Amino acid sequence: MNTLAYLIYGCITGFVTIWVGWIFYRNGRAFILYLLQNNALLTDAINRLLLTGYYLLNLGYAAVMISTWERVESWTGLLTSVTVMTGRIILTLAFIHYCNMAAIYYIGKKQQSIPHS
């Protein structure tokens, strides 16, 4: 049953990671563009790097989580395991997102306090 749990978990995690990553990529561009004072070329390059790093981090974390998986013996255990592991990934994504937003906020505040020539 673990193989089935891994497949379900992999599909859910892959979908959520790609979907959320694309939303961050598309909507985060405006924040980066603001921080880089409308430098579109640099903004797009940084945004692509952030998306790649996001995918690598989340897919790597998902793979590591599989190594901590206990043996699944029943359908209830399968549902519980997949739910708990998926919840951990989603909570991790939320935490990383809020850390990134805090960093953007503080960088923006710092730039506002620096006098521009």
C-alpha atoms as a PDB file:
ATOM      1  CA  MET A   1       0.000   0.000   0.000  1.00  0.00           C
ATOM      2  CA  ASN A   2       2.938   2.327   0.451  1.00  0.00           C
ATOM      3  CA  THR A   3       3.465   2.447  -3.316  1.00  0.00           C
ATOM      4  CA  LEU A   4      -0.107   3.630  -3.825  1.00  0.00           C
ATOM      5  CA  ALA A   5       0.338   6.216  -1.042  1.00  0.00           C
ATOM      6  CA  TYR A   6       3.541   7.464  -2.698  1.00  0.00           C
ATOM      7  CA  LEU A   7       1.792   7.812  -6.058  1.00  0.00           C
ATOM      8  CA  ILE A   8      -1.170   9.717  -4.605  1.00  0.00           C
ATOM      9  CA  TYR A   9       1.150  11.914  -2.532  1.00  0.00           C
ATOM     10  CA  GLY A  10       3.404  12.546  -5.532  1.00  0.00           C
ATOM     11  CA  CYS A  11       0.503  13.595  -7.741  1.00  0.00           C
ATOM     12  CA  ILE A  12      -0.985  15.919  -5.123  1.00  0.00           C
ATOM     13  CA  THR A  13       2.384  17.402  -4.166  1.00  0.00           C
ATOM     14  CA  GLY A  14       3.446  17.843  -7.789  1.00  0.00           C
ATOM     15  CA  PHE A  15       0.186  19.558  -8.692  1.00  0.00           C
ATOM     16  CA  VAL A  16       0.205  21.877  -5.668  1.00  0.00           C
ATOM     17  CA  THR A  17       3.892  22.732  -6.113  1.00  0.00           C
ATOM     18  CA  ILE A  18       3.539  23.558  -9.815  1.00  0.00           C
ATOM     19  CA  TRP A  19       0.245  25.423  -9.386  1.00  0.00           C
ATOM     20  CA  VAL A  20       1.409  27.547  -6.437  1.00  0.00           C
ATOM     21  CA  GLY A  21       4.824  28.115  -8.066  1.00  0.00           C
ATOM     22  CA  TRP A  22       3.184  29.434 -11.212  1.00  0.00           C
ATOM     23  CA  ILE A  23       0.972  31.783  -9.165  1.00  0.00           C
ATOM     24  CA  PHE A  24       4.029  33.090  -7.278  1.00  0.00           C
ATOM     25  CA  TYR A  25       5.921  33.496 -10.549  1.00  0.00           C
ATOM     26  CA  ARG A  26       3.129  35.359 -12.296  1.00  0.00           C
ATOM     27  CA  ASN A  27       2.053  37.610  -9.418  1.00  0.00           C
ATOM     28  CA  GLY A  28       5.435  38.063  -7.721  1.00  0.00           C
ATOM     29  CA  ARG A  29       6.867  39.803 -10.762  1.00  0.00           C
ATOM     30  CA  ALA A  30       5.197  43.078  -9.770  1.00  0.00           C
ATOM     31  CA  PHE A  31       6.892  43.054  -6.345  1.00  0.00           C
ATOM     32  CA  ILE A  32      10.313  42.300  -7.781  1.00  0.00           C
ATOM     33  CA  LEU A  33       9.853  44.888 -10.517  1.00  0.00           C
ATOM     34  CA  TYR A  34       9.054  47.497  -7.860  1.00  0.00           C
ATOM     35  CA  LEU A  35      12.094  46.556  -5.771  1.00  0.00           C
ATOM     36  CA  LEU A  36      14.386  46.705  -8.804  1.00  0.00           C
ATOM     37  CA  GLN A  37      13.021  50.085  -9.895  1.00  0.00           C
ATOM     38  CA  ASN A  38      11.354  48.820 -13.109  1.00  0.00           C
ATOM     39  CA  ASN A  39      14.374  46.919 -14.438  1.00  0.00           C
ATOM     40  CA  ALA A  40      12.345  44.336 -16.413  1.00  0.00           C
ATOM     41  CA  LEU A  41      15.283  42.291 -17.711  1.00  0.00           C
ATOM     42  CA  LEU A  42      16.768  41.739 -14.248  1.00  0.00           C
ATOM     43  CA  THR A  43      13.308  41.187 -12.752  1.00  0.00           C
ATOM     44  CA  ASP A  44      12.491  38.409 -15.214  1.00  0.00           C
ATOM     45  CA  ALA A  45      15.849  36.716 -14.655  1.00  0.00           C
ATOM     46  CA  ILE A  46      15.468  36.812 -10.867  1.00  0.00           C
ATOM     47  CA  ASN A  47      11.857  35.650 -11.080  1.00  0.00           C
ATOM     48  CA  ARG A  48      12.882  32.595 -13.160  1.00  0.00           C
ATOM     49  CA  LEU A  49      15.659  31.784 -10.695  1.00  0.00           C
ATOM     50  CA  LEU A  50      13.227  32.052  -7.781  1.00  0.00           C
ATOM     51  CA  LEU A  51      10.775  29.721  -9.546  1.00  0.00           C
ATOM     52  CA  THR A  52      13.503  27.161 -10.208  1.00  0.00           C
ATOM     53  CA  GLY A  53      14.701  27.338  -6.608  1.00  0.00           C
ATOM     54  CA  TYR A  54      11.120  27.024  -5.384  1.00  0.00           C
ATOM     55  CA  TYR A  55      10.545  23.877  -7.453  1.00  0.00           C
ATOM     56  CA  LEU A  56      13.833  22.310  -6.370  1.00  0.00           C
ATOM     57  CA  LEU A  57      13.229  23.068  -2.706  1.00  0.00           C
ATOM     58  CA  ASN A  58       9.688  21.716  -2.651  1.00  0.00           C
ATOM     59  CA  LEU A  59      10.271  18.621  -4.746  1.00  0.00           C
ATOM     60  CA  GLY A  60      13.391  17.838  -2.718  1.00  0.00           C
ATOM     61  CA  TYR A  61      11.483  18.286   0.520  1.00  0.00           C
ATOM     62  CA  ALA A  62       8.697  16.045  -0.774  1.00  0.00           C
ATOM     63  CA  ALA A  63      11.246  13.347  -1.631  1.00  0.00           C
ATOM     64  CA  VAL A  64      12.832  13.568   1.822  1.00  0.00           C
ATOM     65  CA  MET A  65       9.390  13.307   3.415  1.00  0.00           C
ATOM     66  CA  ILE A  66       8.835  10.000   1.618  1.00  0.00           C
ATOM     67  CA  SER A  67      11.886   8.597   3.395  1.00  0.00           C
ATOM     68  CA  THR A  68      10.218   9.267   6.760  1.00  0.00           C
ATOM     69  CA  TRP A  69       7.010   7.496   5.778  1.00  0.00           C
ATOM     70  CA  GLU A  70       5.882   4.658   8.014  1.00  0.00           C
ATOM     71  CA  ARG A  71       4.467   1.412   6.652  1.00  0.00           C
ATOM     72  CA  VAL A  72       0.841   1.712   5.521  1.00  0.00           C
ATOM     73  CA  GLU A  73      -1.281  -1.333   6.381  1.00  0.00           C
ATOM     74  CA  SER A  74      -4.870  -0.240   5.636  1.00  0.00           C
ATOM     75  CA  TRP A  75      -6.978   2.155   3.582  1.00  0.00           C
ATOM     76  CA  THR A  76      -7.461   4.322   6.653  1.00  0.00           C
ATOM     77  CA  GLY A  77      -3.717   4.400   7.205  1.00  0.00           C
ATOM     78  CA  LEU A  78      -3.208   5.328   3.561  1.00  0.00           C
ATOM     79  CA  LEU A  79      -5.643   8.227   3.800  1.00  0.00           C
ATOM     80  CA  THR A  80      -4.135   9.401   7.078  1.00  0.00           C
ATOM     81  CA  SER A  81      -0.556   9.185   5.796  1.00  0.00           C
ATOM     82  CA  VAL A  82      -1.261  11.016   2.551  1.00  0.00           C
ATOM     83  CA  THR A  83      -3.234  13.707   4.380  1.00  0.00           C
ATOM     84  CA  VAL A  84      -0.540  14.312   7.011  1.00  0.00           C
ATOM     85  CA  MET A  85       2.302  14.391   4.485  1.00  0.00           C
ATOM     86  CA  THR A  86       0.379  16.693   2.133  1.00  0.00           C
ATOM     87  CA  GLY A  87      -0.469  18.972   5.056  1.00  0.00           C
ATOM     88  CA  ARG A  88       3.206  19.220   5.968  1.00  0.00           C
ATOM     89  CA  ILE A  89       4.110  20.246   2.426  1.00  0.00           C
ATOM     90  CA  ILE A  90       1.350  22.880   2.322  1.00  0.00           C
ATOM     91  CA  LEU A  91       2.352  24.292   5.720  1.00  0.00           C
ATOM     92  CA  THR A  92       5.970  24.445   4.567  1.00  0.00           C
ATOM     93  CA  LEU A  93       4.926  26.290   1.391  1.00  0.00           C
ATOM     94  CA  ALA A  94       2.925  28.778   3.464  1.00  0.00           C
ATOM     95  CA  PHE A  95       5.812  29.372   5.870  1.00  0.00           C
ATOM     96  CA  ILE A  96       8.312  29.944   3.055  1.00  0.00           C
ATOM     97  CA  HIS A  97       5.862  32.266   1.294  1.00  0.00           C
ATOM     98  CA  TYR A  98       5.345  34.409   4.397  1.00  0.00           C
ATOM     99  CA  CYS A  99       9.112  34.576   4.984  1.00  0.00           C
ATOM    100  CA  ASN A 100       9.591  35.752   1.400  1.00  0.00           C
ATOM    101  CA  MET A 101       6.829  38.335   1.736  1.00  0.00           C
ATOM    102  CA  ALA A 102       8.387  39.633   4.956  1.00  0.00           C
ATOM    103  CA  ALA A 103      11.755  39.930   3.198  1.00  0.00           C
ATOM    104  CA  ILE A 104      10.157  41.832   0.304  1.00  0.00           C
ATOM    105  CA  TYR A 105       8.371  44.108   2.763  1.00  0.00           C
ATOM    106  CA  TYR A 106      11.569  44.923   4.665  1.00  0.00           C
ATOM    107  CA  ILE A 107      13.600  45.424   1.493  1.00  0.00           C
ATOM    108  CA  GLY A 108      10.890  47.778   0.219  1.00  0.00           C
ATOM    109  CA  LYS A 109      10.874  49.696   3.500  1.00  0.00           C
ATOM    110  CA  LYS A 110      14.652  49.957   3.459  1.00  0.00           C
ATOM    111  CA  GLN A 111      14.620  51.280  -0.105  1.00  0.00           C
ATOM    112  CA  GLN A 112      12.043  53.918   0.818  1.00  0.00           C
ATOM    113  CA  SER A 113      14.241  55.187   3.639  1.00  0.00           C
ATOM    114  CA  ILE A 114      17.338  55.517   1.414  1.00  0.00           C
ATOM    115  CA  PRO A 115      17.419  58.871  -0.405  1.00  0.00           C
ATOM    116  CA  HIS A 116      17.729  58.376  -4.170  1.00  0.00           C
ATOM    117  CA  SER A 117      19.932  60.664  -6.237  1.00  0.00           C
END
